[in-house]
Amino acid sequence: MSSKTLIDVHQYNLKFSFSISEIAKDWSCLEHDNTYLSIDYLTALEQSDIDHLRYVYVVIYRFDRPVGVMYFQSIDISKILQHKGAVQKQIKTLLAKTMAKRFSGQLLLCGNFFATGVNGFVIEDDVPPHVISDITRKLRKELRNVSEPIDSCLTLFKEFWKENKIDLQSVLLHHHNRFEIDVNMILTLSSHWTSFEKYLFGMKTKYRRRAKKTYEETLHVQQKKLNAKEIKSYSKTIHQLYLSVVNSAEFNVVTLSDNSFYLLKQSLGDKFTFTGYFIDHNMVAFSTACKTENYLDANYVGINYDLNQRIPLYQRVLYDYVSLAIHKRVEELRLGRTAELIKSSLGAEPKTMYLYLEHNHRLGQVLLKPLLRIIEPNPIELRNPFKKKL
């Protein structure tokens, strides 16, 4: 589809497209370090042909000069409710009883289903935050009039850090319902950790011994960093391992395709690390990590759960993430949600994240509140593995 120019929002106007290639020249005018908003990353994701997902790319202009970009993903709400999981079952039951007609249509996400954090926009410092909200409203109206309409019933902005609020959050509160999801487990790296051994040295004896025992029990597991060609050659096994984790998750909206990891490695190069774990040349697990800004994002793990019951394979993957983060000299390792207890035993701490959800009708906004009360963070238990606070 071709790109389209929208009307002015005061002195601002914008152009949107359903393909990053059509808007790449102006998109690249914005300077930022967010890998998830880079043309290379977005191209790889778009070429993955992920089921049921559509993309909208927006460039914001002040007069004729690009001053911001926005990235949206869209999915039919009915597709979300088809996924299994305890939370989805509760939501589906509630919708069926009270509000199914009010929640038909598309969910328009400003951000990325496949990456946590504020990955939906970049604007220049002097652009007022309300422009993001105003542009989104104008875009939503225009998307109903394209040849393949996106009729967005819900608009979602994800995910903002509670401890690092930005001005846009105050703007969103005027029209959106704010809610929390499970915490993101973050390991803040010490400047003293110049090697994995020095990281272990800072741990209490109990946790240091546990780490060493993990490596002893997985000594027969070979670790290897894979290039794009190698990822492609193992694509069938990789997808099976990936689905074994996805299908066990309590909540999952969209699933990567079987060529996504290959395309991401091909596009991002050293910014995207794919690590395979092998026993007798058979892949039994993998992990992926993406370097963006000053942190390392632990994206995906695929694992043979039967084997994991016999040896601490997942624990090994987590320790290797720490080693990789130290090697990359980042400030943070973001380990994501789930498995909070085991991640805290590495030194990761929970960080609260906010999402902002808006229904395009006033009654729908009211009905959202009881629905969002179901989606609350799970209780967590934590450990402190270090001798002293970092």
Foldseek 3Di string as FASTA:
>chain_A
DAKDWFDDPVQKTKIKDQACVRVVVQQVVDDFFFPLSHNLLVNLQVVLCFPQKTKMKMFMDRNNHTFKIFIKIKGWPVLQLVAAFDLSVVLVVLCVVPPVVLRGFMEIEQADLQAADQHTMDGHPPDDLVVVVVVVVRVQVVQCPDPPRRNHQKYKYGKYFPVDDDPNVVVLVVFWDKAWFAFWWKAFDDPQPLALVSLLVQFDPVLSVVLVVQCVQCVQKDKDWDALVVCVVCLVVQVVLQVVVVSVDNGHRTDGHSNSLSSSRVRPPPQKTKMFIDHPNDTAKIWIWGDTDQEIEGGTIGGNVVVCVVHVPVLNVLSVQVRVRSVVNGRMYTDTDDPAASSLSSVIDTTIIMMIMHGPDPVVNVVVVVSSVSRHYDDDDHDHGGPDDD
